Amino acid sequence: MSKVLLVVGHPDLSQSKANATLVDAVRDLPHVTVHDLYAAYADFQIDVAPPSRRCWPTTT
């Protein structure tokens, strides 16, 4: 099965109906990784390398 990276960007996921429903539906699936941008980068200083490695891991 293909791996899925779900990137979520919502300032308050607990107040979102659509985004929270989607995340709750897939969070425990073994082939899905949820990456919450607001949780990972609360200071808004986004380091591009870590999420890029999730999409394109090195093969070394």
Protein backbone atom coordinates (compact mmCIF):
# COMPACT_ATOMS: atom_id res chain seq x y z
CA MET A 1 0.00 0.00 0.00
CA SER A 2 1.22 3.51 -0.77
CA LYS A 3 2.27 5.80 2.06
CA VAL A 4 0.34 9.03 2.56
CA LEU A 5 1.61 12.25 4.13
CA LEU A 6 -1.29 14.47 5.18
CA VAL A 7 -0.10 18.03 5.77
CA VAL A 8 -2.60 19.96 7.87
CA GLY A 9 -2.51 23.72 8.28
CA HIS A 10 -5.21 25.08 10.58
CA PRO A 11 -4.61 27.59 13.38
CA ASP A 12 -6.96 25.75 15.77
CA LEU A 13 -7.62 22.21 14.65
CA SER A 14 -9.95 21.61 17.62
CA GLN A 15 -12.27 24.29 16.22
CA SER A 16 -12.25 22.93 12.68
CA LYS A 17 -15.01 20.63 11.56
CA ALA A 18 -13.71 19.44 8.19
CA ASN A 19 -9.98 19.28 8.97
CA ALA A 20 -10.46 17.69 12.39
CA THR A 21 -12.83 15.09 10.93
CA LEU A 22 -10.33 14.20 8.22
CA VAL A 23 -7.42 13.94 10.66
CA ASP A 24 -9.44 11.85 13.12
CA ALA A 25 -10.48 9.48 10.32
CA VAL A 26 -6.93 8.74 9.14
CA ARG A 27 -4.70 9.34 12.18
CA ASP A 28 -4.47 5.68 13.20
CA LEU A 29 -4.03 4.20 9.73
CA PRO A 30 -0.59 2.57 9.49
CA HIS A 31 0.21 3.99 6.05
CA VAL A 32 -0.76 7.60 6.89
CA THR A 33 1.45 10.20 8.57
CA VAL A 34 -0.25 13.41 9.74
CA HIS A 35 1.96 16.50 9.87
CA ASP A 36 0.31 19.45 11.63
CA LEU A 37 2.11 22.61 10.55
CA TYR A 38 0.79 24.73 13.42
CA ALA A 39 1.84 22.14 16.02
CA ALA A 40 5.27 21.62 14.45
CA TYR A 41 6.02 25.31 13.83
CA ALA A 42 4.21 27.28 16.54
CA ASP A 43 6.74 30.10 16.08
CA PHE A 44 6.06 30.18 12.29
CA GLN A 45 9.75 29.49 11.57
CA ILE A 46 9.33 26.63 9.12
CA ASP A 47 12.32 24.43 8.43
CA VAL A 48 11.67 22.96 4.99
CA ALA A 49 14.08 20.04 5.32
CA PRO A 50 12.20 17.81 7.82
CA PRO A 51 8.87 17.75 5.91
CA SER A 52 10.76 17.30 2.65
CA ARG A 53 12.45 14.21 4.07
CA ARG A 54 9.01 12.80 4.87
CA CYS A 55 8.06 13.10 1.20
CA TRP A 56 11.40 12.23 -0.36
CA PRO A 57 13.48 10.18 2.09
CA THR A 58 17.08 9.55 1.20
CA THR A 59 17.99 6.07 0.03
CA THR A 60 21.51 5.94 1.42
